[in-house]
Amino acid sequence: MQEFRRRIEHHMEHVGNVGAHCTTEETTKQALILPLLDILGFSPYDPTKVKAEYGADFPGAKASERVDYALFSNGIPVLFIEAKAYSANLTNHCPQLSRYYNATPEVAVAAITNGREWRFFTDLDNRNIMDREPFLVVDFSGSADDIAEQLERFHYDRLEPDALRALAEENVYLHAFKSAITSALRDCDLDFVKYVATRAGTQRTMTGKFLESIQPIVKQAVAQSVSAMVATSLAAPEPPPPTAHVDEAPDDTDAPLVDPNNPNIITTVEEQNLYKICCDILPGEDIQARDTESYFSIVLGGKSNRWLFRFWGDKKRPAMQFIVPLTDVHRAEIARAGLQAGAGDQVLLDKPENLYRLVGIVGDALTYCKDDENFRRKGRGGDAE
């Protein structure tokens, strides 16, 4: 495999160096196509493996039409190749290739190439009828490792019709699955949101309203998960940093903030983290942090009576309270998160990160605060507006 990869890399350089000079179909054959066939174990000088201008009975085609190359294995044609000039648009010539392919049932794969790009076709949709779309496209301006791995199965020693059809089916499914996964992760439609919420064990009725409320959260989770997976795959072990022997100034981001107008209002690091986490859970929402001498809160639109939750970090066990009363569904979510409900409707929150486990309740609190009707009368949120 190492020698094969080396030869493929050399051929890629060769295509890049001389491709622009292959202005005719014949030059492209001699300079770019035949050398690759030789790398694949199909010597152009062995007529038992390669036959040029191969003719057969092609119904509906002119008697003079012949496929440029037919590759043979054990005396049977298994791969047709139609060659075009280096600058040719391959799409325009696929119908011609399909006539050749459809007339020869023994052939498993047909390819059309301009020496730089190779498009491989088979008959997955209808047996002995060439598919409209290629199952594999190899571009010699791509990655050498990928190209070597893809072309290795076309080597003479490994070329088998059934194996090629299996390869084609695998590539078609792989492309379709990648497209579906990419679309699902990018769009995060409600079906995908429902799947994630169900898989996560969210103890909520999957109504349309609930799914829409957590859709931004799922998008955020997808982005963070993908980033974490990429970071993990790219991370390399690093030696531990040397021990510092000098005193360093504390990081301002890890220090409490004192209100310059009231020294009794101190926003702790935990409270600062709660705000950051809430912004993660509700990206793009108009929320702010409000601190008082008694409690810390997150409010919507700068209105003190539209608080999503209030937090008391100076208790023996820090606790928070949402603006919405805790329902049985909420309590089930709290239990599933491994947290405890305290007195009244409070939730014990020993560390800010645990708020990530309560995204459903945070979403319900946001929905409540956005509903003006809840604030036209005396309610849980405080005085009517």
Protein backbone atom coordinates (compact mmCIF):
# COMPACT_ATOMS: atom_id res chain seq x y z
CA MET A 1 0.00 0.00 0.00
CA GLN A 2 2.88 2.38 0.75
CA GLU A 3 4.33 1.91 -2.74
CA PHE A 4 0.89 2.34 -4.29
CA ARG A 5 0.34 5.57 -2.34
CA ARG A 6 3.76 6.85 -3.38
CA ARG A 7 2.96 6.24 -7.05
CA ILE A 8 -0.43 7.95 -6.69
CA GLU A 9 1.24 11.00 -5.12
CA HIS A 10 3.73 11.12 -7.97
CA HIS A 11 0.91 10.88 -10.51
CA MET A 12 -0.95 13.74 -8.79
CA GLU A 13 2.12 15.94 -9.19
CA HIS A 14 2.40 14.83 -12.81
CA VAL A 15 -1.25 15.80 -13.51
CA GLY A 16 -0.68 19.20 -11.95
CA ASN A 17 2.47 19.79 -13.97
CA VAL A 18 1.37 18.68 -17.46
CA GLY A 19 -2.44 18.76 -17.38
CA ALA A 20 -2.75 22.22 -18.90
CA HIS A 21 -0.69 21.02 -21.91
CA CYS A 22 -3.13 18.19 -22.71
CA THR A 23 -5.26 20.16 -25.13
CA THR A 24 -6.51 17.14 -27.13
CA GLU A 25 -8.17 13.88 -26.16
CA GLU A 26 -5.28 11.83 -27.53
CA THR A 27 -2.69 13.79 -25.54
CA THR A 28 -4.77 13.34 -22.40
CA LYS A 29 -4.87 9.59 -22.96
CA GLN A 30 -1.13 9.27 -23.44
CA ALA A 31 -0.01 11.67 -20.72
CA LEU A 32 -2.61 11.23 -17.95
CA ILE A 33 -4.90 8.22 -18.39
CA LEU A 34 -2.60 5.39 -19.48
CA PRO A 35 -0.05 6.14 -16.72
CA LEU A 36 -2.79 5.79 -14.11
CA LEU A 37 -3.98 2.50 -15.63
CA ASP A 38 -0.43 1.21 -15.29
CA ILE A 39 -0.38 2.22 -11.59
CA LEU A 40 -3.63 0.29 -11.15
CA GLY A 41 -2.01 -2.85 -12.56
CA PHE A 42 -3.58 -2.58 -16.02
CA SER A 43 -0.59 -2.36 -18.30
CA PRO A 44 -1.54 -0.62 -21.57
CA TYR A 45 0.83 -3.05 -23.28
CA ASP A 46 -1.06 -6.16 -22.11
CA PRO A 47 -4.08 -6.76 -24.40
CA THR A 48 -5.45 -9.35 -21.96
CA LYS A 49 -5.98 -6.53 -19.45
CA VAL A 50 -6.52 -3.39 -21.57
CA LYS A 51 -8.18 -3.14 -24.97
CA ALA A 52 -8.34 0.25 -26.66
CA GLU A 53 -11.16 1.26 -29.00
CA TYR A 54 -13.16 -1.69 -27.76
CA GLY A 55 -16.15 -2.48 -29.96
CA ALA A 56 -19.31 -4.43 -29.22
CA ASP A 57 -22.90 -4.48 -30.38
CA PHE A 58 -24.30 -1.20 -29.05
CA PRO A 59 -28.01 -1.03 -29.90
CA GLY A 60 -28.93 2.36 -31.34
CA ALA A 61 -25.34 3.49 -31.67
CA LYS A 62 -23.31 4.00 -34.78
CA ALA A 63 -21.32 0.98 -35.90
CA SER A 64 -18.13 3.02 -35.73
CA GLU A 65 -18.62 4.01 -32.06
CA ARG A 66 -16.24 2.31 -29.68
CA VAL A 67 -15.46 2.79 -26.02
CA ASP A 68 -11.95 4.19 -25.50
CA TYR A 69 -10.76 1.50 -23.07
CA ALA A 70 -12.14 -1.75 -21.72
CA LEU A 71 -10.40 -3.24 -18.69
CA PHE A 72 -10.51 -7.02 -18.43
CA SER A 73 -10.31 -9.44 -15.53
CA ASN A 74 -10.15 -13.18 -16.24
CA GLY A 75 -11.10 -12.55 -19.84
CA ILE A 76 -14.27 -10.60 -18.99
CA PRO A 77 -14.70 -6.83 -19.49
CA VAL A 78 -15.38 -5.34 -16.07
CA LEU A 79 -14.73 -1.60 -16.50
CA PHE A 80 -15.26 0.77 -19.43
CA ILE A 81 -13.39 4.08 -19.65
CA GLU A 82 -14.41 6.98 -21.83
CA ALA A 83 -11.62 9.56 -22.23
CA LYS A 84 -11.98 13.29 -22.90
CA ALA A 85 -9.58 16.18 -23.23
CA TYR A 86 -8.24 17.73 -20.03
CA SER A 87 -10.48 20.81 -20.30
CA ALA A 88 -13.64 18.91 -21.28
CA ASN A 89 -16.88 19.14 -19.26
CA LEU A 90 -17.52 15.51 -18.32
CA THR A 91 -21.25 15.96 -17.73
CA ASN A 92 -21.94 16.53 -21.39
CA HIS A 93 -20.55 13.13 -22.38
CA CYS A 94 -22.22 10.81 -19.85
CA PRO A 95 -25.09 9.74 -22.20
CA GLN A 96 -22.51 8.39 -24.63
CA LEU A 97 -20.88 6.33 -21.88
CA SER A 98 -24.26 5.00 -20.72
CA ARG A 99 -24.95 3.52 -24.17
CA TYR A 100 -21.75 1.52 -23.99
CA TYR A 101 -22.42 0.39 -20.43
CA ASN A 102 -26.05 -0.63 -20.98
CA ALA A 103 -25.11 -2.83 -23.94
CA THR A 104 -22.59 -4.94 -21.99
CA PRO A 105 -24.10 -6.69 -18.93
CA GLU A 106 -20.75 -8.11 -17.84
CA VAL A 107 -19.35 -4.66 -17.14
CA ALA A 108 -19.74 -3.66 -13.48
CA VAL A 109 -18.40 -0.11 -13.61
CA ALA A 110 -17.99 2.62 -16.22
CA ALA A 111 -15.81 5.70 -15.83
CA ILE A 112 -15.47 8.95 -17.71
CA THR A 113 -12.37 11.09 -17.22
CA ASN A 114 -10.44 14.07 -18.46
CA GLY A 115 -7.32 12.86 -16.69
CA ARG A 116 -7.82 15.17 -13.72
CA GLU A 117 -11.31 14.13 -12.63
CA TRP A 118 -12.61 10.58 -12.76
CA ARG A 119 -16.35 9.81 -12.39
CA PHE A 120 -17.32 6.21 -11.71
CA PHE A 121 -20.81 4.83 -12.41
CA THR A 122 -22.60 1.54 -11.82
CA ASP A 123 -26.17 0.22 -11.93
CA LEU A 124 -27.62 0.42 -8.43
CA ASP A 125 -31.00 1.83 -9.47
CA ASN A 126 -31.71 -0.58 -12.34
CA ARG A 127 -29.61 -3.60 -13.12
CA ASN A 128 -27.60 -3.20 -16.37
CA ILE A 129 -28.76 0.44 -16.73
CA MET A 130 -26.07 2.96 -15.81
CA ASP A 131 -27.07 5.29 -12.97
CA ARG A 132 -27.43 8.98 -13.76
CA GLU A 133 -25.17 10.01 -10.88
CA PRO A 134 -21.63 8.72 -10.20
CA PHE A 135 -21.10 6.73 -7.04
CA LEU A 136 -17.54 8.01 -6.77
CA VAL A 137 -15.72 11.12 -7.99
CA VAL A 138 -11.92 11.21 -7.75
CA ASP A 139 -10.27 14.59 -8.27
CA PHE A 140 -6.49 14.57 -8.49
CA SER A 141 -6.33 17.99 -6.91
CA GLY A 142 -7.56 16.45 -3.65
CA SER A 143 -5.89 14.54 -0.82
CA ALA A 144 -3.36 11.85 -1.83
CA ASP A 145 -4.32 9.57 1.04
CA ASP A 146 -8.02 9.72 0.16
CA ILE A 147 -7.36 9.10 -3.54
CA ALA A 148 -5.02 6.17 -2.88
CA GLU A 149 -7.56 4.57 -0.56
CA GLN A 150 -10.39 5.03 -3.07
CA LEU A 151 -8.45 3.74 -6.07
CA GLU A 152 -6.88 0.76 -4.34
CA ARG A 153 -10.10 -1.22 -4.85
CA PHE A 154 -9.77 -0.68 -8.61
CA HIS A 155 -6.36 -2.32 -8.72
CA TYR A 156 -6.16 -5.35 -10.99
CA ASP A 157 -5.38 -7.67 -8.09
CA ARG A 158 -8.54 -6.61 -6.24
CA LEU A 159 -10.94 -5.75 -9.04
CA GLU A 160 -14.10 -7.87 -8.68
CA PRO A 161 -17.50 -6.89 -10.13
CA ASP A 162 -19.48 -7.74 -6.98
CA ALA A 163 -16.96 -5.95 -4.78
CA LEU A 164 -17.21 -2.84 -6.96
CA ARG A 165 -20.99 -2.81 -6.74
CA ALA A 166 -20.72 -3.17 -2.96
CA LEU A 167 -18.27 -0.24 -2.96
CA ALA A 168 -20.69 1.79 -5.05
CA GLU A 169 -23.60 1.10 -2.70
CA GLU A 170 -21.45 1.95 0.31
CA ASN A 171 -20.41 5.29 -1.23
CA VAL A 172 -23.97 6.19 -2.22
CA TYR A 173 -25.25 5.51 1.29
CA LEU A 174 -22.28 7.28 2.87
CA HIS A 175 -22.91 10.41 0.80
CA ALA A 176 -26.65 10.35 1.56
CA PHE A 177 -26.09 9.82 5.29
CA LYS A 178 -23.48 12.59 5.49
CA SER A 179 -25.87 14.98 3.75
CA ALA A 180 -28.72 14.02 6.09
CA ILE A 181 -26.56 14.39 9.21
CA THR A 182 -25.13 17.71 8.05
CA SER A 183 -28.61 19.04 7.29
CA ALA A 184 -29.99 17.83 10.63
CA LEU A 185 -27.15 19.41 12.62
CA ARG A 186 -27.27 22.68 10.69
CA ASP A 187 -31.05 23.17 10.66
CA CYS A 188 -32.06 21.44 13.92
CA ASP A 189 -35.66 21.05 12.74
CA LEU A 190 -38.32 20.04 15.26
CA ASP A 191 -38.06 16.33 14.40
CA PHE A 192 -34.38 16.44 15.30
CA VAL A 193 -35.10 18.50 18.43
CA LYS A 194 -37.67 15.89 19.49
CA TYR A 195 -35.18 13.08 18.90
CA VAL A 196 -32.54 14.81 21.04
CA ALA A 197 -34.98 15.64 23.83
CA THR A 198 -36.32 12.07 23.86
CA ARG A 199 -32.83 10.56 23.75
CA ALA A 200 -31.81 12.84 26.63
CA GLY A 201 -34.68 11.51 28.73
CA THR A 202 -36.43 14.87 29.05
CA GLN A 203 -39.54 14.27 31.11
CA ARG A 204 -41.77 16.65 29.20
CA THR A 205 -44.71 16.27 26.84
CA MET A 206 -43.26 16.85 23.37
CA THR A 207 -45.70 19.52 22.30
CA GLY A 208 -44.88 21.84 19.42
CA LYS A 209 -44.64 24.78 21.80
CA PHE A 210 -42.15 22.99 24.04
CA LEU A 211 -40.03 21.80 21.10
CA GLU A 212 -39.89 25.34 19.69
CA SER A 213 -38.86 26.70 23.09
CA ILE A 214 -35.88 24.34 23.36
CA GLN A 215 -34.88 24.50 19.68
CA PRO A 216 -32.30 27.26 20.32
CA ILE A 217 -30.92 25.24 23.23
CA VAL A 218 -30.51 22.15 21.04
CA LYS A 219 -28.72 24.26 18.40
CA GLN A 220 -26.38 25.53 21.08
CA ALA A 221 -25.81 21.98 22.35
CA VAL A 222 -25.04 20.75 18.83
CA ALA A 223 -22.52 23.54 18.28
CA GLN A 224 -20.81 22.87 21.61
CA SER A 225 -20.80 19.08 21.06
CA VAL A 226 -19.29 19.35 17.58
CA SER A 227 -16.67 21.81 18.83
CA ALA A 228 -15.81 19.51 21.73
CA MET A 229 -15.46 16.50 19.41
CA VAL A 230 -13.17 18.45 17.07
CA ALA A 231 -11.12 19.76 19.96
CA THR A 232 -10.79 16.26 21.42
CA SER A 233 -9.69 14.75 18.11
CA LEU A 234 -7.12 17.50 17.50
CA ALA A 235 -5.80 17.72 21.04
CA ALA A 236 -2.30 16.36 21.56
CA PRO A 237 -0.74 15.59 24.95
CA GLU A 238 1.16 18.60 26.19
CA PRO A 239 3.83 18.66 28.88
CA PRO A 240 2.72 20.26 32.13
CA PRO A 241 3.59 23.97 32.35
CA PRO A 242 6.59 24.85 34.51
CA THR A 243 5.86 25.78 38.10
CA ALA A 244 5.82 29.52 38.58
CA HIS A 245 8.13 30.84 41.28
CA VAL A 246 6.75 34.36 41.36
CA ASP A 247 3.50 35.72 42.65
CA GLU A 248 0.98 36.40 39.89
CA ALA A 249 -1.84 38.90 39.92
CA PRO A 250 -5.27 37.30 40.26
CA ASP A 251 -7.37 36.95 37.15
CA ASP A 252 -10.05 39.63 37.22
CA THR A 253 -12.56 37.22 35.69
CA ASP A 254 -12.24 35.01 38.77
CA ALA A 255 -12.90 37.75 41.29
CA PRO A 256 -16.15 39.05 42.77
CA LEU A 257 -17.49 42.37 41.51
CA VAL A 258 -18.34 45.09 44.01
CA ASP A 259 -21.03 47.64 43.12
CA PRO A 260 -19.26 51.05 43.17
CA ASN A 261 -22.49 52.69 44.39
CA ASN A 262 -23.22 50.13 47.11
CA PRO A 263 -20.34 48.11 48.61
CA ASN A 264 -22.88 45.75 50.19
CA ILE A 265 -23.82 44.43 46.73
CA ILE A 266 -21.15 41.91 45.76
CA THR A 267 -21.64 39.79 42.65
CA THR A 268 -19.79 36.57 43.35
CA VAL A 269 -17.95 34.42 40.80
CA GLU A 270 -20.76 31.84 41.07
CA GLU A 271 -23.35 34.50 40.21
CA GLN A 272 -21.28 35.73 37.26
CA ASN A 273 -21.07 32.14 36.00
CA LEU A 274 -24.82 31.74 36.38
CA TYR A 275 -25.33 34.65 34.00
CA LYS A 276 -22.86 33.23 31.47
CA ILE A 277 -24.57 29.84 31.61
CA CYS A 278 -27.98 31.43 31.21
CA CYS A 279 -26.69 33.21 28.08
CA ASP A 280 -25.50 29.83 26.77
CA ILE A 281 -28.90 28.28 27.38
CA LEU A 282 -30.81 31.23 25.88
CA PRO A 283 -28.60 32.55 23.06
CA GLY A 284 -29.77 35.80 21.53
CA GLU A 285 -32.33 36.55 24.24
CA ASP A 286 -32.47 40.00 25.88
CA ILE A 287 -31.49 38.96 29.40
CA GLN A 288 -29.45 40.80 32.01
CA ALA A 289 -27.98 40.07 35.44
CA ARG A 290 -29.37 42.06 38.41
CA ASP A 291 -27.83 41.88 41.85
CA THR A 292 -29.19 43.20 45.16
CA GLU A 293 -28.16 42.93 48.78
CA SER A 294 -30.66 40.07 49.20
CA TYR A 295 -30.43 38.00 46.04
CA PHE A 296 -29.08 37.73 42.49
CA SER A 297 -31.46 37.47 39.53
CA ILE A 298 -31.68 37.18 35.75
CA VAL A 299 -34.25 39.51 34.20
CA LEU A 300 -35.76 39.92 30.75
CA GLY A 301 -35.60 43.22 28.87
CA GLY A 302 -34.12 45.06 31.83
CA LYS A 303 -37.44 44.84 33.75
CA SER A 304 -36.94 43.91 37.37
CA ASN A 305 -40.37 42.28 37.70
CA ARG A 306 -39.70 39.93 34.76
CA TRP A 307 -37.14 37.81 36.52
CA LEU A 308 -36.54 34.33 35.19
CA PHE A 309 -35.09 33.19 38.49
CA ARG A 310 -33.62 34.48 41.71
CA PHE A 311 -30.53 32.98 43.35
CA TRP A 312 -29.38 32.99 46.97
CA GLY A 313 -25.73 31.99 47.21
CA ASP A 314 -25.15 32.95 50.83
CA LYS A 315 -27.19 30.09 52.26
CA LYS A 316 -25.72 26.92 53.72
CA ARG A 317 -26.88 25.28 50.50
CA PRO A 318 -27.28 27.78 47.63
CA ALA A 319 -30.78 27.80 46.14
CA MET A 320 -32.75 29.37 43.33
CA GLN A 321 -36.39 30.04 42.59
CA PHE A 322 -38.01 30.37 39.16
CA ILE A 323 -40.77 32.84 38.36
CA VAL A 324 -43.04 29.96 37.33
CA PRO A 325 -44.48 27.65 40.00
CA LEU A 326 -42.92 24.20 39.94
CA THR A 327 -45.29 21.68 38.39
CA ASP A 328 -45.08 17.90 38.68
CA VAL A 329 -43.33 17.91 35.31
CA HIS A 330 -40.77 20.41 36.59
CA ARG A 331 -40.17 18.38 39.73
CA ALA A 332 -39.64 15.27 37.59
CA GLU A 333 -37.07 17.22 35.57
CA ILE A 334 -35.32 18.27 38.77
CA ALA A 335 -35.22 14.69 40.01
CA ARG A 336 -33.97 13.40 36.65
CA ALA A 337 -31.19 16.00 36.83
CA GLY A 338 -30.09 14.58 40.19
CA LEU A 339 -30.99 17.82 41.99
CA GLN A 340 -33.23 18.48 44.97
CA ALA A 341 -36.19 20.75 45.53
CA GLY A 342 -35.94 22.85 48.67
CA ALA A 343 -38.54 24.65 50.72
CA GLY A 344 -41.44 26.02 48.74
CA ASP A 345 -40.57 26.15 45.05
CA GLN A 346 -36.84 26.58 45.54
CA VAL A 347 -34.26 24.33 43.88
CA LEU A 348 -30.96 23.57 45.59
CA LEU A 349 -28.09 24.59 43.29
CA ASP A 350 -24.72 23.72 44.77
CA LYS A 351 -22.82 24.86 41.68
CA PRO A 352 -23.76 27.08 38.72
CA GLU A 353 -23.08 24.34 36.13
CA ASN A 354 -26.11 22.43 37.38
CA LEU A 355 -28.31 25.04 35.70
CA TYR A 356 -27.52 23.26 32.40
CA ARG A 357 -29.62 20.37 33.73
CA LEU A 358 -32.71 22.56 34.06
CA VAL A 359 -32.99 23.96 30.54
CA GLY A 360 -36.66 23.00 30.32
CA ILE A 361 -37.62 25.06 33.35
CA VAL A 362 -35.42 27.96 32.23
CA GLY A 363 -37.26 27.88 28.90
CA ASP A 364 -40.64 27.89 30.64
CA ALA A 365 -39.56 30.87 32.76
CA LEU A 366 -38.52 32.76 29.64
CA THR A 367 -41.85 32.01 27.95
CA TYR A 368 -43.69 33.24 31.04
CA CYS A 369 -41.70 36.49 31.12
CA LYS A 370 -42.33 37.15 27.42
CA ASP A 371 -46.11 36.93 27.87
CA ASP A 372 -47.33 40.46 28.62
CA GLU A 373 -50.61 39.09 29.90
CA ASN A 374 -48.81 37.69 32.94
CA PHE A 375 -47.82 41.22 33.96
CA ARG A 376 -51.06 43.11 33.47
CA ARG A 377 -52.17 41.99 36.85
CA LYS A 378 -50.67 41.37 40.25
CA GLY A 379 -48.83 38.08 39.85
CA ARG A 380 -45.84 36.08 40.88
CA GLY A 381 -43.54 38.39 38.98
CA GLY A 382 -44.40 41.40 41.12
CA ASP A 383 -46.48 44.50 40.52
CA ALA A 384 -48.46 44.82 37.31
CA GLU A 385 -46.94 46.94 34.58
